[in-house]
Amino acid sequence: MTVTETRSTHWQDEVRRLAQERDAVILAHNYQEPAIQDVADHVGDSLALSRIAAGTDAGTIVFCGVHFMAETAKLLSPDKTVLIPTAQAGCSLADTIDADQLRAWKAQHPGAAVVAYVNTSAAVKAEADICCTSSNAVEVVNSIPRDQPVLFLPDQFLGEHVRRQTGRDNIEVWMGECHVHAGISPVDLRAQVAANPTAEVLVHPECGCASSTIWLAGRGDLPAERTHILSTAGMLESARGMTAETALVATEIGMLHQLRKVNQHTNFVPVNPKASCRFMKMITPDLLLRCLREGRDEIQLPSEIAEQARRSVQRMVAIGKPAAA
C-alpha cells in the first residue's frame, strides 16, 4: 500500500469513527470529489438524497453538497441536526432568483402553478407550489392540470426540456442557468462526437447544449439512437447496462466517478473536462473531518419560511412514490 493509500484509509476510518460517535449519516451528491463520494453512506442526485434525508433514523445529517441541498434536508428532517462542511458552498443557479423576484413574477401571472427546481433557496421554495429535480421535473409538471399555466424556475435549459417533453405551451421559464452546465456548449459536444463517432452521448438537461442536442440529433449531426438527455440518476441507470466502448458525458465532471464505478468496461469521457463546480469542490476531506469533530456548519432556517418551503418539497418527494397499500 502506498503512502497516499495509507493516508486515505486512515482518513476514511476517522470519518466513519466520528460519524458513528455523532450518530451521523453522510450524504454526498454525485458532483462531490471522489474521496467524499467513497466515504459517504449514500451517494446520489438531489431527489434520492432528499428521500434519504426524509427517512433517515440518524440524529445528524452531514450533507456533502451545496447549501440549498443541506437546506432541503433540514426542511424534510426539521427535528434533526443538519450539517454542511462549509456554509460557503453556494450555487450560481440558486442565486439567479430570490423570493422578492419570485413574488413579483407570480403577481404578473395570477393563477399559475409555481414549480421550483430544487436548486433554489428555502425562501424561494416557500413561495413555490411544488419543487422538482432534473429526474422528476417532467413528472411534476405533468401532475399539474394541463390548462393551468406553469411558472418554471430557475433553470432555463431544464425548463425548455420540460416544455419539449410535456408538449405544453403554457410554461413560462425563468432565465437562470448553472454556470458550469451552461458552459458545456454545442461546439464542445460536436467536437467530441467527431472524435468519438461510435460513442453513446449522455447530456444533462441543464446543459447549454441540451436544446441544440435535440436539434442536431434530429438533423443527423448527432447519432439520434445514441443520444440521451438524462438526469444524473438517469445517466447512472443507463451506464449500468451500457456495452459501448466510449460514452460522452455532458455534466459536472464529478459524475464520472460514479459512472466508472458501475461500469468499468466503458470509457466515460467528459464533453468539457473543465466543467467542475467550484462550490461543490469546496467540500474537502479536511472540512468533512472538521464538520464531524466540531459540529459545523449547522443549517438553521426561520420557522415561517421552513413551514411553507417544507410543503413544496414534500410534494416533490411524494411524486412517483408508490401509494401505501
C-alpha atoms as a PDB file:
ATOM      1  CA  MET A   1       0.000   0.000   0.000  1.00  0.00           C
ATOM      2  CA  THR A   2       1.342   3.427  -0.968  1.00  0.00           C
ATOM      3  CA  VAL A   3       1.696   6.351   1.451  1.00  0.00           C
ATOM      4  CA  THR A   4      -1.229   8.085  -0.256  1.00  0.00           C
ATOM      5  CA  GLU A   5      -3.424   4.994   0.062  1.00  0.00           C
ATOM      6  CA  THR A   6      -2.452   4.632   3.740  1.00  0.00           C
ATOM      7  CA  ARG A   7      -3.415   8.251   4.441  1.00  0.00           C
ATOM      8  CA  SER A   8      -6.692   7.784   2.570  1.00  0.00           C
ATOM      9  CA  THR A   9      -7.556   4.672   4.559  1.00  0.00           C
ATOM     10  CA  HIS A  10      -6.733   6.429   7.843  1.00  0.00           C
ATOM     11  CA  TRP A  11      -8.893   9.413   6.849  1.00  0.00           C
ATOM     12  CA  GLN A  12     -11.838   7.183   5.918  1.00  0.00           C
ATOM     13  CA  ASP A  13     -11.551   5.289   9.211  1.00  0.00           C
ATOM     14  CA  GLU A  14     -11.503   8.563  11.145  1.00  0.00           C
ATOM     15  CA  VAL A  15     -14.532   9.917   9.269  1.00  0.00           C
ATOM     16  CA  ARG A  16     -16.525   6.770   9.959  1.00  0.00           C
ATOM     17  CA  ARG A  17     -15.497   6.727  13.628  1.00  0.00           C
ATOM     18  CA  LEU A  18     -16.548  10.334  14.128  1.00  0.00           C
ATOM     19  CA  ALA A  19     -19.790   9.789  12.235  1.00  0.00           C
ATOM     20  CA  GLN A  20     -20.651   6.870  14.481  1.00  0.00           C
ATOM     21  CA  GLU A  21     -19.909   8.938  17.589  1.00  0.00           C
ATOM     22  CA  ARG A  22     -22.165  11.724  16.339  1.00  0.00           C
ATOM     23  CA  ASP A  23     -24.918   9.341  15.140  1.00  0.00           C
ATOM     24  CA  ALA A  24     -24.492  10.895  11.716  1.00  0.00           C
ATOM     25  CA  VAL A  25     -25.358   9.741   8.206  1.00  0.00           C
ATOM     26  CA  ILE A  26     -23.150  11.187   5.467  1.00  0.00           C
ATOM     27  CA  LEU A  27     -24.882  12.095   2.201  1.00  0.00           C
ATOM     28  CA  ALA A  28     -22.860  13.084  -0.872  1.00  0.00           C
ATOM     29  CA  HIS A  29     -24.006  14.438  -4.199  1.00  0.00           C
ATOM     30  CA  ASN A  30     -22.748  12.892  -7.423  1.00  0.00           C
ATOM     31  CA  TYR A  31     -20.685  16.027  -8.117  1.00  0.00           C
ATOM     32  CA  GLN A  32     -18.537  15.750  -4.999  1.00  0.00           C
ATOM     33  CA  GLU A  33     -14.871  14.809  -5.307  1.00  0.00           C
ATOM     34  CA  PRO A  34     -14.229  11.020  -5.393  1.00  0.00           C
ATOM     35  CA  ALA A  35     -12.820  10.803  -1.846  1.00  0.00           C
ATOM     36  CA  ILE A  36     -16.007  12.329  -0.423  1.00  0.00           C
ATOM     37  CA  GLN A  37     -18.224  10.060  -2.524  1.00  0.00           C
ATOM     38  CA  ASP A  38     -16.306   6.970  -1.414  1.00  0.00           C
ATOM     39  CA  VAL A  39     -16.635   7.675   2.310  1.00  0.00           C
ATOM     40  CA  ALA A  40     -20.322   8.662   2.210  1.00  0.00           C
ATOM     41  CA  ASP A  41     -23.103   6.374   3.390  1.00  0.00           C
ATOM     42  CA  HIS A  42     -25.216   7.383   0.396  1.00  0.00           C
ATOM     43  CA  VAL A  43     -24.330   8.990  -2.945  1.00  0.00           C
ATOM     44  CA  GLY A  44     -26.960  10.212  -5.375  1.00  0.00           C
ATOM     45  CA  ASP A  45     -28.851  13.010  -7.047  1.00  0.00           C
ATOM     46  CA  SER A  46     -30.921  15.639  -5.269  1.00  0.00           C
ATOM     47  CA  LEU A  47     -34.151  13.610  -5.315  1.00  0.00           C
ATOM     48  CA  ALA A  48     -32.616  10.388  -3.995  1.00  0.00           C
ATOM     49  CA  LEU A  49     -30.743  12.225  -1.246  1.00  0.00           C
ATOM     50  CA  SER A  50     -33.877  14.205  -0.320  1.00  0.00           C
ATOM     51  CA  ARG A  51     -35.780  10.964   0.166  1.00  0.00           C
ATOM     52  CA  ILE A  52     -32.979   9.514   2.279  1.00  0.00           C
ATOM     53  CA  ALA A  53     -32.897  12.684   4.394  1.00  0.00           C
ATOM     54  CA  ALA A  54     -36.647  12.418   4.936  1.00  0.00           C
ATOM     55  CA  GLY A  55     -36.464   8.816   6.116  1.00  0.00           C
ATOM     56  CA  THR A  56     -33.180   8.511   7.991  1.00  0.00           C
ATOM     57  CA  ASP A  57     -33.077   7.349  11.605  1.00  0.00           C
ATOM     58  CA  ALA A  58     -29.758   9.097  12.240  1.00  0.00           C
ATOM     59  CA  GLY A  59     -29.777  12.028  14.634  1.00  0.00           C
ATOM     60  CA  THR A  60     -27.469  14.071  12.432  1.00  0.00           C
ATOM     61  CA  ILE A  61     -27.314  14.506   8.659  1.00  0.00           C
ATOM     62  CA  VAL A  62     -23.990  15.609   7.190  1.00  0.00           C
ATOM     63  CA  PHE A  63     -24.683  16.870   3.685  1.00  0.00           C
ATOM     64  CA  CYS A  64     -21.730  16.963   1.314  1.00  0.00           C
ATOM     65  CA  GLY A  65     -23.150  19.118  -1.418  1.00  0.00           C
ATOM     66  CA  VAL A  66     -24.090  22.753  -1.830  1.00  0.00           C
ATOM     67  CA  HIS A  67     -26.070  24.882   0.594  1.00  0.00           C
ATOM     68  CA  PHE A  68     -29.566  24.524  -0.880  1.00  0.00           C
ATOM     69  CA  MET A  69     -29.237  20.724  -0.636  1.00  0.00           C
ATOM     70  CA  ALA A  70     -28.474  20.875   3.074  1.00  0.00           C
ATOM     71  CA  GLU A  71     -31.383  23.311   3.498  1.00  0.00           C
ATOM     72  CA  THR A  72     -33.657  20.802   1.756  1.00  0.00           C
ATOM     73  CA  ALA A  73     -32.515  18.053   4.121  1.00  0.00           C
ATOM     74  CA  LYS A  74     -33.356  20.326   7.062  1.00  0.00           C
ATOM     75  CA  LEU A  75     -36.802  21.003   5.624  1.00  0.00           C
ATOM     76  CA  LEU A  76     -37.501  17.274   5.400  1.00  0.00           C
ATOM     77  CA  SER A  77     -35.974  16.413   8.788  1.00  0.00           C
ATOM     78  CA  PRO A  78     -36.661  19.506  10.923  1.00  0.00           C
ATOM     79  CA  ASP A  79     -36.011  17.732  14.220  1.00  0.00           C
ATOM     80  CA  LYS A  80     -32.571  16.509  13.170  1.00  0.00           C
ATOM     81  CA  THR A  81     -29.268  18.320  13.176  1.00  0.00           C
ATOM     82  CA  VAL A  82     -28.167  19.054   9.610  1.00  0.00           C
ATOM     83  CA  LEU A  83     -24.546  19.989   8.971  1.00  0.00           C
ATOM     84  CA  ILE A  84     -22.673  21.055   5.837  1.00  0.00           C
ATOM     85  CA  PRO A  85     -18.852  21.029   5.930  1.00  0.00           C
ATOM     86  CA  THR A  86     -18.796  24.665   4.801  1.00  0.00           C
ATOM     87  CA  ALA A  87     -21.714  27.069   4.545  1.00  0.00           C
ATOM     88  CA  GLN A  88     -19.751  28.888   1.824  1.00  0.00           C
ATOM     89  CA  ALA A  89     -20.680  26.168  -0.692  1.00  0.00           C
ATOM     90  CA  GLY A  90     -23.327  28.107  -2.583  1.00  0.00           C
ATOM     91  CA  CYS A  91     -24.874  27.681  -6.036  1.00  0.00           C
ATOM     92  CA  SER A  92     -24.726  30.039  -9.016  1.00  0.00           C
ATOM     93  CA  LEU A  93     -28.073  28.727 -10.292  1.00  0.00           C
ATOM     94  CA  ALA A  94     -29.867  29.214  -6.961  1.00  0.00           C
ATOM     95  CA  ASP A  95     -28.525  32.777  -6.875  1.00  0.00           C
ATOM     96  CA  THR A  96     -30.329  33.702 -10.127  1.00  0.00           C
ATOM     97  CA  ILE A  97     -33.656  34.227  -8.316  1.00  0.00           C
ATOM     98  CA  ASP A  98     -34.711  35.387  -4.864  1.00  0.00           C
ATOM     99  CA  ALA A  99     -38.043  35.420  -3.049  1.00  0.00           C
ATOM    100  CA  ASP A 100     -38.841  39.049  -3.937  1.00  0.00           C
ATOM    101  CA  GLN A 101     -38.281  38.360  -7.641  1.00  0.00           C
ATOM    102  CA  LEU A 102     -40.496  35.307  -7.485  1.00  0.00           C
ATOM    103  CA  ARG A 103     -43.299  37.183  -5.726  1.00  0.00           C
ATOM    104  CA  ALA A 104     -43.182  39.840  -8.444  1.00  0.00           C
ATOM    105  CA  TRP A 105     -43.258  37.167 -11.173  1.00  0.00           C
ATOM    106  CA  LYS A 106     -46.241  35.467  -9.531  1.00  0.00           C
ATOM    107  CA  ALA A 107     -48.080  38.793  -9.393  1.00  0.00           C
ATOM    108  CA  GLN A 108     -47.684  39.071 -13.177  1.00  0.00           C
ATOM    109  CA  HIS A 109     -49.164  35.573 -13.666  1.00  0.00           C
ATOM    110  CA  PRO A 110     -52.064  35.119 -11.207  1.00  0.00           C
ATOM    111  CA  GLY A 111     -53.382  31.568 -11.070  1.00  0.00           C
ATOM    112  CA  ALA A 112     -50.182  29.971 -12.359  1.00  0.00           C
ATOM    113  CA  ALA A 113     -48.660  26.987 -10.556  1.00  0.00           C
ATOM    114  CA  VAL A 114     -45.074  27.642  -9.473  1.00  0.00           C
ATOM    115  CA  VAL A 115     -42.617  24.764  -9.985  1.00  0.00           C
ATOM    116  CA  ALA A 116     -39.265  25.470  -8.350  1.00  0.00           C
ATOM    117  CA  TYR A 117     -36.235  23.402  -9.209  1.00  0.00           C
ATOM    118  CA  VAL A 118     -34.670  22.123  -6.009  1.00  0.00           C
ATOM    119  CA  ASN A 119     -31.636  24.285  -6.859  1.00  0.00           C
ATOM    120  CA  THR A 120     -33.190  27.236  -5.030  1.00  0.00           C
ATOM    121  CA  SER A 121     -33.065  28.758  -1.554  1.00  0.00           C
ATOM    122  CA  ALA A 122     -35.562  27.809   1.130  1.00  0.00           C
ATOM    123  CA  ALA A 123     -37.065  31.307   0.846  1.00  0.00           C
ATOM    124  CA  VAL A 124     -37.811  30.699  -2.846  1.00  0.00           C
ATOM    125  CA  LYS A 125     -39.181  27.223  -2.139  1.00  0.00           C
ATOM    126  CA  ALA A 126     -41.538  28.826   0.377  1.00  0.00           C
ATOM    127  CA  GLU A 127     -43.095  30.829  -2.482  1.00  0.00           C
ATOM    128  CA  ALA A 128     -43.481  27.765  -4.747  1.00  0.00           C
ATOM    129  CA  ASP A 129     -46.337  25.284  -5.046  1.00  0.00           C
ATOM    130  CA  ILE A 130     -44.077  22.281  -5.640  1.00  0.00           C
ATOM    131  CA  CYS A 131     -40.392  21.570  -6.154  1.00  0.00           C
ATOM    132  CA  CYS A 132     -38.718  19.236  -8.631  1.00  0.00           C
ATOM    133  CA  THR A 133     -35.339  17.802  -9.543  1.00  0.00           C
ATOM    134  CA  SER A 134     -33.979  17.099 -13.009  1.00  0.00           C
ATOM    135  CA  SER A 135     -35.013  13.450 -12.614  1.00  0.00           C
ATOM    136  CA  ASN A 136     -38.698  14.171 -11.903  1.00  0.00           C
ATOM    137  CA  ALA A 137     -39.297  17.634 -13.406  1.00  0.00           C
ATOM    138  CA  VAL A 138     -41.417  16.281 -16.276  1.00  0.00           C
ATOM    139  CA  GLU A 139     -43.421  14.109 -13.884  1.00  0.00           C
ATOM    140  CA  VAL A 140     -44.002  17.062 -11.536  1.00  0.00           C
ATOM    141  CA  VAL A 141     -45.240  19.349 -14.330  1.00  0.00           C
ATOM    142  CA  ASN A 142     -47.461  16.570 -15.688  1.00  0.00           C
ATOM    143  CA  SER A 143     -49.094  16.367 -12.246  1.00  0.00           C
ATOM    144  CA  ILE A 144     -50.445  19.903 -12.760  1.00  0.00           C
ATOM    145  CA  PRO A 145     -53.711  20.274 -14.767  1.00  0.00           C
ATOM    146  CA  ARG A 146     -52.825  20.931 -18.403  1.00  0.00           C
ATOM    147  CA  ASP A 147     -54.977  24.034 -18.596  1.00  0.00           C
ATOM    148  CA  GLN A 148     -53.219  25.674 -15.634  1.00  0.00           C
ATOM    149  CA  PRO A 149     -50.252  27.916 -16.550  1.00  0.00           C
ATOM    150  CA  VAL A 150     -46.897  26.958 -15.015  1.00  0.00           C
ATOM    151  CA  LEU A 151     -44.039  29.159 -13.874  1.00  0.00           C
ATOM    152  CA  PHE A 152     -40.854  27.064 -14.001  1.00  0.00           C
ATOM    153  CA  LEU A 153     -37.720  28.314 -12.277  1.00  0.00           C
ATOM    154  CA  PRO A 154     -34.860  28.996 -12.247  1.00  0.00           C
ATOM    155  CA  ASP A 155     -33.045  26.924 -14.904  1.00  0.00           C
ATOM    156  CA  GLN A 156     -33.870  27.945 -18.477  1.00  0.00           C
ATOM    157  CA  PHE A 157     -32.366  24.833 -20.084  1.00  0.00           C
ATOM    158  CA  LEU A 158     -34.199  22.386 -17.833  1.00  0.00           C
ATOM    159  CA  GLY A 159     -37.346  24.457 -18.331  1.00  0.00           C
ATOM    160  CA  GLU A 160     -37.055  24.150 -22.110  1.00  0.00           C
ATOM    161  CA  HIS A 161     -36.503  20.414 -21.752  1.00  0.00           C
ATOM    162  CA  VAL A 162     -39.675  20.135 -19.656  1.00  0.00           C
ATOM    163  CA  ARG A 163     -41.597  22.182 -22.208  1.00  0.00           C
ATOM    164  CA  ARG A 164     -40.483  19.830 -25.001  1.00  0.00           C
ATOM    165  CA  GLN A 165     -41.185  16.657 -23.045  1.00  0.00           C
ATOM    166  CA  THR A 166     -44.635  17.705 -21.822  1.00  0.00           C
ATOM    167  CA  GLY A 167     -45.738  19.388 -25.041  1.00  0.00           C
ATOM    168  CA  ARG A 168     -47.194  22.251 -23.009  1.00  0.00           C
ATOM    169  CA  ASP A 169     -47.128  25.767 -24.406  1.00  0.00           C
ATOM    170  CA  ASN A 170     -48.337  27.390 -21.174  1.00  0.00           C
ATOM    171  CA  ILE A 171     -44.994  27.141 -19.323  1.00  0.00           C
ATOM    172  CA  GLU A 172     -43.168  30.376 -18.539  1.00  0.00           C
ATOM    173  CA  VAL A 173     -39.459  29.779 -17.836  1.00  0.00           C
ATOM    174  CA  TRP A 174     -37.172  31.903 -15.652  1.00  0.00           C
ATOM    175  CA  MET A 175     -33.933  32.776 -17.451  1.00  0.00           C
ATOM    176  CA  GLY A 176     -31.465  31.378 -14.921  1.00  0.00           C
ATOM    177  CA  GLU A 177     -28.597  28.988 -15.513  1.00  0.00           C
ATOM    178  CA  CYS A 178     -25.900  26.951 -13.789  1.00  0.00           C
ATOM    179  CA  HIS A 179     -22.588  28.464 -14.845  1.00  0.00           C
ATOM    180  CA  VAL A 180     -20.978  25.020 -15.101  1.00  0.00           C
ATOM    181  CA  HIS A 181     -23.676  23.351 -17.191  1.00  0.00           C
ATOM    182  CA  ALA A 182     -24.218  26.451 -19.318  1.00  0.00           C
ATOM    183  CA  GLY A 183     -20.527  26.295 -20.190  1.00  0.00           C
ATOM    184  CA  ILE A 184     -20.888  22.881 -21.852  1.00  0.00           C
ATOM    185  CA  SER A 185     -21.545  24.098 -25.374  1.00  0.00           C
ATOM    186  CA  PRO A 186     -22.763  22.593 -28.643  1.00  0.00           C
ATOM    187  CA  VAL A 187     -19.271  23.252 -30.026  1.00  0.00           C
ATOM    188  CA  ASP A 188     -17.766  21.058 -27.273  1.00  0.00           C
ATOM    189  CA  LEU A 189     -20.286  18.320 -27.982  1.00  0.00           C
ATOM    190  CA  ARG A 190     -19.842  18.269 -31.747  1.00  0.00           C
ATOM    191  CA  ALA A 191     -16.054  18.180 -31.398  1.00  0.00           C
ATOM    192  CA  GLN A 192     -16.208  15.220 -29.024  1.00  0.00           C
ATOM    193  CA  VAL A 193     -18.676  13.345 -31.234  1.00  0.00           C
ATOM    194  CA  ALA A 194     -16.424  13.929 -34.246  1.00  0.00           C
ATOM    195  CA  ALA A 195     -13.506  12.471 -32.275  1.00  0.00           C
ATOM    196  CA  ASN A 196     -15.617   9.558 -30.955  1.00  0.00           C
ATOM    197  CA  PRO A 197     -18.161   8.786 -33.721  1.00  0.00           C
ATOM    198  CA  THR A 198     -19.431   5.496 -32.196  1.00  0.00           C
ATOM    199  CA  ALA A 199     -19.847   6.804 -28.635  1.00  0.00           C
ATOM    200  CA  GLU A 200     -23.023   6.962 -26.589  1.00  0.00           C
ATOM    201  CA  VAL A 201     -23.925  10.569 -25.722  1.00  0.00           C
ATOM    202  CA  LEU A 202     -25.317  11.420 -22.263  1.00  0.00           C
ATOM    203  CA  VAL A 203     -26.428  15.036 -21.781  1.00  0.00           C
ATOM    204  CA  HIS A 204     -27.806  16.611 -18.608  1.00  0.00           C
ATOM    205  CA  PRO A 205     -30.864  18.817 -19.316  1.00  0.00           C
ATOM    206  CA  GLU A 206     -29.241  21.779 -17.505  1.00  0.00           C
ATOM    207  CA  CYS A 207     -26.504  21.935 -20.151  1.00  0.00           C
ATOM    208  CA  GLY A 208     -26.203  24.815 -22.556  1.00  0.00           C
ATOM    209  CA  CYS A 209     -26.038  22.226 -25.327  1.00  0.00           C
ATOM    210  CA  ALA A 210     -29.249  20.383 -24.339  1.00  0.00           C
ATOM    211  CA  SER A 211     -31.643  22.114 -26.744  1.00  0.00           C
ATOM    212  CA  SER A 212     -29.212  22.013 -29.649  1.00  0.00           C
ATOM    213  CA  THR A 213     -28.540  18.343 -28.906  1.00  0.00           C
ATOM    214  CA  ILE A 214     -32.137  17.506 -29.804  1.00  0.00           C
ATOM    215  CA  TRP A 215     -31.934  19.614 -32.953  1.00  0.00           C
ATOM    216  CA  LEU A 216     -28.577  18.190 -34.015  1.00  0.00           C
ATOM    217  CA  ALA A 217     -29.776  14.625 -33.421  1.00  0.00           C
ATOM    218  CA  GLY A 218     -32.913  15.340 -35.450  1.00  0.00           C
ATOM    219  CA  ARG A 219     -30.942  16.548 -38.469  1.00  0.00           C
ATOM    220  CA  GLY A 220     -28.429  13.691 -38.232  1.00  0.00           C
ATOM    221  CA  ASP A 221     -25.416  15.614 -36.938  1.00  0.00           C
ATOM    222  CA  LEU A 222     -25.538  13.528 -33.749  1.00  0.00           C
ATOM    223  CA  PRO A 223     -26.424   9.815 -33.562  1.00  0.00           C
ATOM    224  CA  ALA A 224     -30.119  10.009 -32.591  1.00  0.00           C
ATOM    225  CA  GLU A 225     -30.280   6.425 -31.337  1.00  0.00           C
ATOM    226  CA  ARG A 226     -27.244   7.003 -29.112  1.00  0.00           C
ATOM    227  CA  THR A 227     -28.053  10.495 -27.835  1.00  0.00           C
ATOM    228  CA  HIS A 228     -29.841  10.748 -24.479  1.00  0.00           C
ATOM    229  CA  ILE A 229     -30.986  13.699 -22.333  1.00  0.00           C
ATOM    230  CA  LEU A 230     -30.748  12.361 -18.772  1.00  0.00           C
ATOM    231  CA  SER A 231     -30.579  13.429 -15.137  1.00  0.00           C
ATOM    232  CA  THR A 232     -27.581  12.192 -13.171  1.00  0.00           C
ATOM    233  CA  ALA A 233     -29.720   9.326 -11.865  1.00  0.00           C
ATOM    234  CA  GLY A 234     -30.717   8.530 -15.436  1.00  0.00           C
ATOM    235  CA  MET A 235     -27.081   8.557 -16.531  1.00  0.00           C
ATOM    236  CA  LEU A 236     -26.176   6.107 -13.801  1.00  0.00           C
ATOM    237  CA  GLU A 237     -29.004   3.762 -14.749  1.00  0.00           C
ATOM    238  CA  SER A 238     -28.001   3.947 -18.418  1.00  0.00           C
ATOM    239  CA  ALA A 239     -24.370   3.238 -17.567  1.00  0.00           C
ATOM    240  CA  ARG A 240     -25.163   0.033 -15.665  1.00  0.00           C
ATOM    241  CA  GLY A 241     -26.212  -1.821 -18.791  1.00  0.00           C
ATOM    242  CA  MET A 242     -24.041   0.002 -21.300  1.00  0.00           C
ATOM    243  CA  THR A 243     -21.860  -2.045 -23.658  1.00  0.00           C
ATOM    244  CA  ALA A 244     -20.426   0.819 -25.727  1.00  0.00           C
ATOM    245  CA  GLU A 245     -16.667   1.273 -25.774  1.00  0.00           C
ATOM    246  CA  THR A 246     -16.987   5.022 -25.143  1.00  0.00           C
ATOM    247  CA  ALA A 247     -19.619   7.342 -23.676  1.00  0.00           C
ATOM    248  CA  LEU A 248     -19.503  11.126 -23.841  1.00  0.00           C
ATOM    249  CA  VAL A 249     -20.838  12.760 -20.693  1.00  0.00           C
ATOM    250  CA  ALA A 250     -22.140  16.331 -20.605  1.00  0.00           C
ATOM    251  CA  THR A 251     -22.481  17.293 -16.959  1.00  0.00           C
ATOM    252  CA  GLU A 252     -20.288  18.282 -13.995  1.00  0.00           C
ATOM    253  CA  ILE A 253     -17.200  16.049 -14.050  1.00  0.00           C
ATOM    254  CA  GLY A 254     -17.724  14.667 -10.529  1.00  0.00           C
ATOM    255  CA  MET A 255     -20.373  12.404 -12.080  1.00  0.00           C
ATOM    256  CA  LEU A 256     -17.706  10.425 -13.913  1.00  0.00           C
ATOM    257  CA  HIS A 257     -16.620   8.726 -10.679  1.00  0.00           C
ATOM    258  CA  GLN A 258     -19.980   7.044 -10.130  1.00  0.00           C
ATOM    259  CA  LEU A 259     -20.328   6.115 -13.804  1.00  0.00           C
ATOM    260  CA  ARG A 260     -16.915   4.461 -13.780  1.00  0.00           C
ATOM    261  CA  LYS A 261     -17.732   2.578 -10.589  1.00  0.00           C
ATOM    262  CA  VAL A 262     -20.838   0.940 -12.044  1.00  0.00           C
ATOM    263  CA  ASN A 263     -19.281   0.235 -15.453  1.00  0.00           C
ATOM    264  CA  GLN A 264     -15.559  -0.442 -15.727  1.00  0.00           C
ATOM    265  CA  HIS A 265     -15.723  -1.526 -19.380  1.00  0.00           C
ATOM    266  CA  THR A 266     -16.948   1.724 -20.960  1.00  0.00           C
ATOM    267  CA  ASN A 267     -14.631   4.710 -21.232  1.00  0.00           C
ATOM    268  CA  PHE A 268     -16.598   7.692 -19.885  1.00  0.00           C
ATOM    269  CA  VAL A 269     -15.258  10.918 -21.391  1.00  0.00           C
ATOM    270  CA  PRO A 270     -16.330  14.422 -20.282  1.00  0.00           C
ATOM    271  CA  VAL A 271     -17.659  16.597 -23.086  1.00  0.00           C
ATOM    272  CA  ASN A 272     -15.985  19.516 -21.331  1.00  0.00           C
ATOM    273  CA  PRO A 273     -13.164  18.422 -18.963  1.00  0.00           C
ATOM    274  CA  LYS A 274     -13.242  21.864 -17.304  1.00  0.00           C
ATOM    275  CA  ALA A 275     -16.884  21.507 -16.197  1.00  0.00           C
ATOM    276  CA  SER A 276     -16.097  21.463 -12.487  1.00  0.00           C
ATOM    277  CA  CYS A 277     -18.261  23.259  -9.925  1.00  0.00           C
ATOM    278  CA  ARG A 278     -16.058  25.207  -7.540  1.00  0.00           C
ATOM    279  CA  PHE A 279     -18.865  25.304  -4.990  1.00  0.00           C
ATOM    280  CA  MET A 280     -19.242  21.510  -4.948  1.00  0.00           C
ATOM    281  CA  LYS A 281     -15.476  21.164  -4.648  1.00  0.00           C
ATOM    282  CA  MET A 282     -15.422  23.407  -1.561  1.00  0.00           C
ATOM    283  CA  ILE A 283     -16.304  20.289   0.429  1.00  0.00           C
ATOM    284  CA  THR A 284     -12.851  18.868   1.138  1.00  0.00           C
ATOM    285  CA  PRO A 285     -11.699  15.882   3.217  1.00  0.00           C
ATOM    286  CA  ASP A 286     -10.300  18.227   5.873  1.00  0.00           C
ATOM    287  CA  LEU A 287     -13.549  20.198   6.111  1.00  0.00           C
ATOM    288  CA  LEU A 288     -15.572  16.993   6.431  1.00  0.00           C
ATOM    289  CA  LEU A 289     -13.388  15.989   9.389  1.00  0.00           C
ATOM    290  CA  ARG A 290     -13.817  19.435  10.947  1.00  0.00           C
ATOM    291  CA  CYS A 291     -17.562  19.193  10.448  1.00  0.00           C
ATOM    292  CA  LEU A 292     -17.746  15.886  12.302  1.00  0.00           C
ATOM    293  CA  ARG A 293     -15.393  16.955  15.084  1.00  0.00           C
ATOM    294  CA  GLU A 294     -16.870  20.392  15.744  1.00  0.00           C
ATOM    295  CA  GLY A 295     -20.472  20.042  14.582  1.00  0.00           C
ATOM    296  CA  ARG A 296     -20.246  22.788  11.982  1.00  0.00           C
ATOM    297  CA  ASP A 297     -21.686  24.338   9.877  1.00  0.00           C
ATOM    298  CA  GLU A 298     -25.240  23.797  11.144  1.00  0.00           C
ATOM    299  CA  ILE A 299     -28.230  24.675   8.971  1.00  0.00           C
ATOM    300  CA  GLN A 300     -30.808  26.895  10.664  1.00  0.00           C
ATOM    301  CA  LEU A 301     -33.994  28.115   8.985  1.00  0.00           C
ATOM    302  CA  PRO A 302     -36.596  30.667  10.140  1.00  0.00           C
ATOM    303  CA  SER A 303     -39.696  28.737  11.192  1.00  0.00           C
ATOM    304  CA  GLU A 304     -42.111  30.711   8.992  1.00  0.00           C
ATOM    305  CA  ILE A 305     -40.017  30.063   5.866  1.00  0.00           C
ATOM    306  CA  ALA A 306     -39.350  26.449   6.775  1.00  0.00           C
ATOM    307  CA  GLU A 307     -43.020  25.602   7.247  1.00  0.00           C
ATOM    308  CA  GLN A 308     -44.008  26.955   3.826  1.00  0.00           C
ATOM    309  CA  ALA A 309     -40.979  25.568   1.998  1.00  0.00           C
ATOM    310  CA  ARG A 310     -41.430  22.130   3.561  1.00  0.00           C
ATOM    311  CA  ARG A 311     -44.793  21.694   1.860  1.00  0.00           C
ATOM    312  CA  SER A 312     -43.397  22.264  -1.634  1.00  0.00           C
ATOM    313  CA  VAL A 313     -40.504  19.870  -1.020  1.00  0.00           C
ATOM    314  CA  GLN A 314     -42.747  17.184   0.483  1.00  0.00           C
ATOM    315  CA  ARG A 315     -44.975  17.357  -2.587  1.00  0.00           C
ATOM    316  CA  MET A 316     -41.888  16.810  -4.747  1.00  0.00           C
ATOM    317  CA  VAL A 317     -40.740  13.804  -2.713  1.00  0.00           C
ATOM    318  CA  ALA A 318     -44.224  12.253  -2.944  1.00  0.00           C
ATOM    319  CA  ILE A 319     -44.320  12.429  -6.756  1.00  0.00           C
ATOM    320  CA  GLY A 320     -43.563   8.991  -8.183  1.00  0.00           C
ATOM    321  CA  LYS A 321     -43.621   7.181  -4.840  1.00  0.00           C
ATOM    322  CA  PRO A 322     -45.906   4.152  -4.703  1.00  0.00           C
ATOM    323  CA  ALA A 323     -49.132   4.665  -2.809  1.00  0.00           C
ATOM    324  CA  ALA A 324     -49.444   2.926   0.547  1.00  0.00           C
ATOM    325  CA  ALA A 325     -51.187  -0.445   0.434  1.00  0.00           C
END
